[in-house]
N, C-alpha and C. Protein backbone atom coordinates (compact mmCIF):
# COMPACT_ATOMS: atom_id res chain seq x y z
N MET A 1 22.18 -1.73 7.93
CA MET A 1 20.90 -1.20 7.50
C MET A 1 19.79 -1.71 8.43
N ASN A 2 18.87 -0.86 8.78
CA ASN A 2 17.79 -1.25 9.66
C ASN A 2 16.43 -0.76 9.07
N ILE A 3 15.40 -1.03 9.82
CA ILE A 3 14.07 -0.71 9.35
C ILE A 3 13.90 0.83 9.30
N GLN A 4 14.49 1.50 10.27
CA GLN A 4 14.37 2.99 10.28
C GLN A 4 15.04 3.59 9.02
N ALA A 5 16.20 3.07 8.61
CA ALA A 5 16.83 3.60 7.40
C ALA A 5 15.96 3.35 6.14
N LEU A 6 15.35 2.12 6.15
CA LEU A 6 14.43 1.81 5.01
C LEU A 6 13.20 2.78 5.02
N ARG A 7 12.68 3.05 6.20
CA ARG A 7 11.54 3.95 6.26
C ARG A 7 11.91 5.36 5.82
N VAL A 8 13.01 5.87 6.23
CA VAL A 8 13.41 7.21 5.81
C VAL A 8 13.67 7.27 4.30
N LEU A 9 14.37 6.33 3.82
CA LEU A 9 14.68 6.28 2.35
C LEU A 9 13.37 6.13 1.58
N GLY A 10 12.44 5.32 2.07
CA GLY A 10 11.17 5.17 1.42
C GLY A 10 10.35 6.44 1.34
N LEU A 11 10.37 7.25 2.44
CA LEU A 11 9.68 8.48 2.43
C LEU A 11 10.30 9.52 1.45
N ILE A 12 11.59 9.55 1.43
CA ILE A 12 12.30 10.47 0.53
C ILE A 12 12.03 10.03 -0.92
N GLU A 13 12.06 8.74 -1.18
CA GLU A 13 11.80 8.22 -2.58
C GLU A 13 10.35 8.53 -2.93
N GLY A 14 9.45 8.35 -2.04
CA GLY A 14 8.04 8.66 -2.29
C GLY A 14 7.82 10.13 -2.62
N LEU A 15 8.50 11.00 -1.86
CA LEU A 15 8.37 12.45 -2.13
C LEU A 15 9.00 12.82 -3.47
N SER A 16 10.10 12.17 -3.84
CA SER A 16 10.72 12.45 -5.16
C SER A 16 9.80 12.03 -6.30
N PHE A 17 9.10 10.91 -6.13
CA PHE A 17 8.17 10.41 -7.10
C PHE A 17 7.05 11.44 -7.29
N LEU A 18 6.51 11.93 -6.18
CA LEU A 18 5.39 12.90 -6.22
C LEU A 18 5.85 14.19 -6.86
N MET A 19 7.05 14.60 -6.61
CA MET A 19 7.62 15.81 -7.22
C MET A 19 7.73 15.58 -8.71
N LEU A 20 8.17 14.38 -9.13
CA LEU A 20 8.30 14.08 -10.52
C LEU A 20 6.91 14.13 -11.21
N LEU A 21 5.95 13.49 -10.59
CA LEU A 21 4.63 13.38 -11.14
C LEU A 21 3.85 14.66 -11.19
N PHE A 22 3.92 15.46 -10.04
CA PHE A 22 2.99 16.55 -9.94
C PHE A 22 3.65 17.91 -10.12
N ILE A 23 4.96 17.97 -10.24
CA ILE A 23 5.63 19.24 -10.51
C ILE A 23 6.38 19.14 -11.84
N ALA A 24 7.38 18.26 -11.94
CA ALA A 24 8.22 18.20 -13.12
C ALA A 24 7.47 17.83 -14.36
N MET A 25 6.62 16.77 -14.32
CA MET A 25 5.90 16.35 -15.51
C MET A 25 4.94 17.41 -16.01
N PRO A 26 4.15 18.05 -15.15
CA PRO A 26 3.27 19.17 -15.71
C PRO A 26 4.10 20.25 -16.32
N LEU A 27 5.22 20.59 -15.66
CA LEU A 27 6.06 21.65 -16.26
C LEU A 27 6.50 21.26 -17.63
N LYS A 28 6.78 20.04 -17.86
CA LYS A 28 7.26 19.56 -19.20
C LYS A 28 6.12 19.54 -20.22
N TYR A 29 5.02 18.91 -19.85
CA TYR A 29 3.98 18.64 -20.89
C TYR A 29 2.92 19.74 -20.90
N VAL A 30 2.74 20.53 -19.90
CA VAL A 30 1.73 21.61 -19.97
C VAL A 30 2.40 22.93 -20.37
N TRP A 31 3.54 23.20 -19.77
CA TRP A 31 4.23 24.51 -19.99
C TRP A 31 5.52 24.39 -20.91
N GLY A 32 5.80 23.22 -21.38
CA GLY A 32 6.92 23.04 -22.32
C GLY A 32 8.30 23.26 -21.73
N ASN A 33 8.47 23.06 -20.46
CA ASN A 33 9.74 23.27 -19.81
C ASN A 33 10.25 21.95 -19.23
N PRO A 34 11.09 21.22 -19.92
CA PRO A 34 11.48 19.86 -19.52
C PRO A 34 12.65 19.75 -18.52
N ILE A 35 13.24 20.85 -18.14
CA ILE A 35 14.46 20.82 -17.35
C ILE A 35 14.32 20.07 -15.98
N LEU A 36 13.21 20.26 -15.31
CA LEU A 36 13.07 19.59 -14.01
C LEU A 36 12.94 18.06 -14.19
N VAL A 37 12.38 17.62 -15.26
CA VAL A 37 12.22 16.21 -15.44
C VAL A 37 13.61 15.55 -15.50
N LYS A 38 14.53 16.21 -16.12
CA LYS A 38 15.87 15.63 -16.20
C LYS A 38 16.50 15.45 -14.79
N TYR A 39 16.46 16.47 -13.99
CA TYR A 39 17.11 16.41 -12.71
C TYR A 39 16.30 15.63 -11.58
N VAL A 40 15.01 15.94 -11.51
CA VAL A 40 14.15 15.21 -10.57
C VAL A 40 14.06 13.74 -10.97
N GLY A 41 13.98 13.48 -12.28
CA GLY A 41 13.88 12.12 -12.75
C GLY A 41 15.14 11.31 -12.43
N MET A 42 16.32 11.91 -12.57
CA MET A 42 17.55 11.26 -12.22
C MET A 42 17.67 11.05 -10.74
N GLY A 43 17.32 12.02 -9.97
CA GLY A 43 17.34 11.87 -8.52
C GLY A 43 16.39 10.77 -8.02
N HIS A 44 15.20 10.73 -8.65
CA HIS A 44 14.22 9.72 -8.26
C HIS A 44 14.72 8.36 -8.64
N GLY A 45 15.29 8.18 -9.78
CA GLY A 45 15.87 6.93 -10.23
C GLY A 45 16.91 6.43 -9.27
N ILE A 46 17.77 7.27 -8.86
CA ILE A 46 18.81 6.90 -7.89
C ILE A 46 18.23 6.49 -6.58
N LEU A 47 17.18 7.20 -6.13
CA LEU A 47 16.53 6.87 -4.85
C LEU A 47 15.76 5.55 -4.99
N VAL A 48 15.22 5.23 -6.10
CA VAL A 48 14.52 3.96 -6.26
C VAL A 48 15.53 2.79 -6.17
N ILE A 49 16.65 2.92 -6.81
CA ILE A 49 17.69 1.95 -6.78
C ILE A 49 18.16 1.76 -5.36
N ALA A 50 18.42 2.86 -4.68
CA ALA A 50 18.87 2.81 -3.27
C ALA A 50 17.86 2.14 -2.38
N PHE A 51 16.56 2.53 -2.60
CA PHE A 51 15.47 1.91 -1.81
C PHE A 51 15.45 0.36 -1.99
N VAL A 52 15.54 -0.10 -3.21
CA VAL A 52 15.47 -1.51 -3.47
C VAL A 52 16.71 -2.23 -2.86
N LEU A 53 17.87 -1.60 -2.94
CA LEU A 53 19.04 -2.21 -2.32
C LEU A 53 18.94 -2.32 -0.81
N VAL A 54 18.44 -1.22 -0.21
CA VAL A 54 18.27 -1.24 1.29
C VAL A 54 17.16 -2.20 1.65
N LEU A 55 16.10 -2.28 0.90
CA LEU A 55 15.04 -3.22 1.10
C LEU A 55 15.57 -4.63 1.11
N PHE A 56 16.34 -4.92 0.08
CA PHE A 56 16.96 -6.31 0.00
C PHE A 56 17.79 -6.59 1.21
N VAL A 57 18.66 -5.66 1.65
CA VAL A 57 19.51 -5.92 2.84
C VAL A 57 18.66 -6.12 4.08
N VAL A 58 17.68 -5.24 4.26
CA VAL A 58 16.85 -5.40 5.49
C VAL A 58 16.04 -6.67 5.49
N CYS A 59 15.51 -7.04 4.33
CA CYS A 59 14.78 -8.33 4.22
C CYS A 59 15.67 -9.52 4.53
N GLU A 60 16.91 -9.49 4.07
CA GLU A 60 17.86 -10.54 4.40
C GLU A 60 18.15 -10.60 5.86
N ARG A 61 18.48 -9.45 6.48
CA ARG A 61 18.87 -9.38 7.86
C ARG A 61 17.72 -9.76 8.77
N LYS A 62 16.51 -9.36 8.45
CA LYS A 62 15.36 -9.62 9.29
C LYS A 62 14.69 -10.95 8.97
N LYS A 63 15.19 -11.63 7.92
CA LYS A 63 14.55 -12.89 7.47
C LYS A 63 13.10 -12.77 7.10
N TRP A 64 12.80 -11.67 6.43
CA TRP A 64 11.43 -11.43 5.99
C TRP A 64 11.05 -12.31 4.80
N SER A 65 9.84 -12.53 4.59
CA SER A 65 9.36 -13.40 3.49
C SER A 65 9.54 -12.69 2.17
N LEU A 66 9.46 -13.47 1.10
CA LEU A 66 9.50 -12.96 -0.27
C LEU A 66 8.36 -11.98 -0.50
N ASN A 67 7.22 -12.23 0.10
CA ASN A 67 6.06 -11.39 -0.06
C ASN A 67 6.34 -9.97 0.46
N MET A 68 7.04 -9.86 1.53
CA MET A 68 7.46 -8.51 2.09
C MET A 68 8.36 -7.77 1.16
N PHE A 69 9.30 -8.52 0.54
CA PHE A 69 10.19 -7.88 -0.46
C PHE A 69 9.40 -7.42 -1.69
N VAL A 70 8.54 -8.28 -2.19
CA VAL A 70 7.78 -7.95 -3.35
C VAL A 70 6.84 -6.74 -3.08
N ALA A 71 6.24 -6.71 -1.87
CA ALA A 71 5.40 -5.59 -1.47
C ALA A 71 6.18 -4.29 -1.52
N GLY A 72 7.45 -4.34 -1.10
CA GLY A 72 8.33 -3.17 -1.14
C GLY A 72 8.64 -2.78 -2.57
N LEU A 73 8.83 -3.74 -3.47
CA LEU A 73 9.10 -3.40 -4.87
C LEU A 73 7.89 -2.76 -5.49
N VAL A 74 6.71 -3.30 -5.24
CA VAL A 74 5.45 -2.71 -5.75
C VAL A 74 5.29 -1.33 -5.21
N ALA A 75 5.57 -1.14 -3.93
CA ALA A 75 5.43 0.14 -3.33
C ALA A 75 6.31 1.21 -3.94
N ALA A 76 7.53 0.79 -4.41
CA ALA A 76 8.43 1.69 -5.04
C ALA A 76 7.98 2.20 -6.39
N ILE A 77 7.08 1.50 -7.02
CA ILE A 77 6.67 1.90 -8.39
C ILE A 77 5.26 2.51 -8.45
N LEU A 78 4.55 2.47 -7.34
CA LEU A 78 3.18 3.07 -7.29
C LEU A 78 3.23 4.45 -6.59
N PRO A 79 2.52 5.40 -7.15
CA PRO A 79 2.41 6.66 -6.45
C PRO A 79 1.78 6.45 -5.07
N PHE A 80 2.36 7.05 -4.10
CA PHE A 80 1.95 6.97 -2.67
C PHE A 80 2.24 5.55 -2.08
N GLY A 81 2.84 4.66 -2.86
CA GLY A 81 3.10 3.29 -2.38
C GLY A 81 4.02 3.18 -1.21
N THR A 82 5.08 4.00 -1.22
CA THR A 82 6.03 3.93 -0.13
C THR A 82 5.45 4.47 1.17
N PHE A 83 4.48 5.33 1.06
CA PHE A 83 3.81 5.90 2.26
C PHE A 83 2.95 4.77 2.92
N ILE A 84 2.26 4.04 2.08
CA ILE A 84 1.44 2.89 2.55
C ILE A 84 2.33 1.78 3.12
N TYR A 85 3.42 1.50 2.43
CA TYR A 85 4.37 0.49 2.89
C TYR A 85 4.99 0.92 4.26
N ASP A 86 5.21 2.22 4.41
CA ASP A 86 5.78 2.75 5.65
C ASP A 86 4.92 2.42 6.84
N ARG A 87 3.64 2.42 6.66
CA ARG A 87 2.73 2.09 7.80
C ARG A 87 2.99 0.66 8.25
N LYS A 88 3.16 -0.25 7.26
CA LYS A 88 3.46 -1.63 7.60
C LYS A 88 4.81 -1.75 8.30
N LEU A 89 5.78 -0.98 7.82
CA LEU A 89 7.12 -1.02 8.45
C LEU A 89 7.04 -0.49 9.85
N LYS A 90 6.27 0.53 10.06
CA LYS A 90 6.14 1.14 11.43
C LYS A 90 5.60 0.15 12.39
N LYS A 91 4.58 -0.62 11.96
CA LYS A 91 4.03 -1.67 12.87
C LYS A 91 5.05 -2.75 13.17
N MET A 92 5.86 -3.12 12.20
CA MET A 92 6.88 -4.13 12.40
C MET A 92 8.04 -3.67 13.31
N GLN A 93 8.31 -2.34 13.18
CA GLN A 93 9.37 -1.79 13.94
C GLN A 93 9.05 -1.75 15.43
N GLY A 94 7.75 -1.58 15.71
CA GLY A 94 7.32 -1.60 17.10
C GLY A 94 7.24 -0.26 17.62
């Protein structure tokens, strides 16, 4: 695993979170159609777990600080967080 893999996975995870928040959830609570929450939510959950696992591996291999790992965890739970975290990763990648 490398920084590029973490960046790609972070962007996909971030997009899945936005789809959950801005497409699936309104369909469920405004229009009464919960089906997308089930599938998008499950996909997003899998992507979050994968992101955290890859984050851990990259942090271990690159000998990053605990702060960098925690920042990645926080980014994974905040809307638009992985996009902001990606900017930091891009600078580190060179």
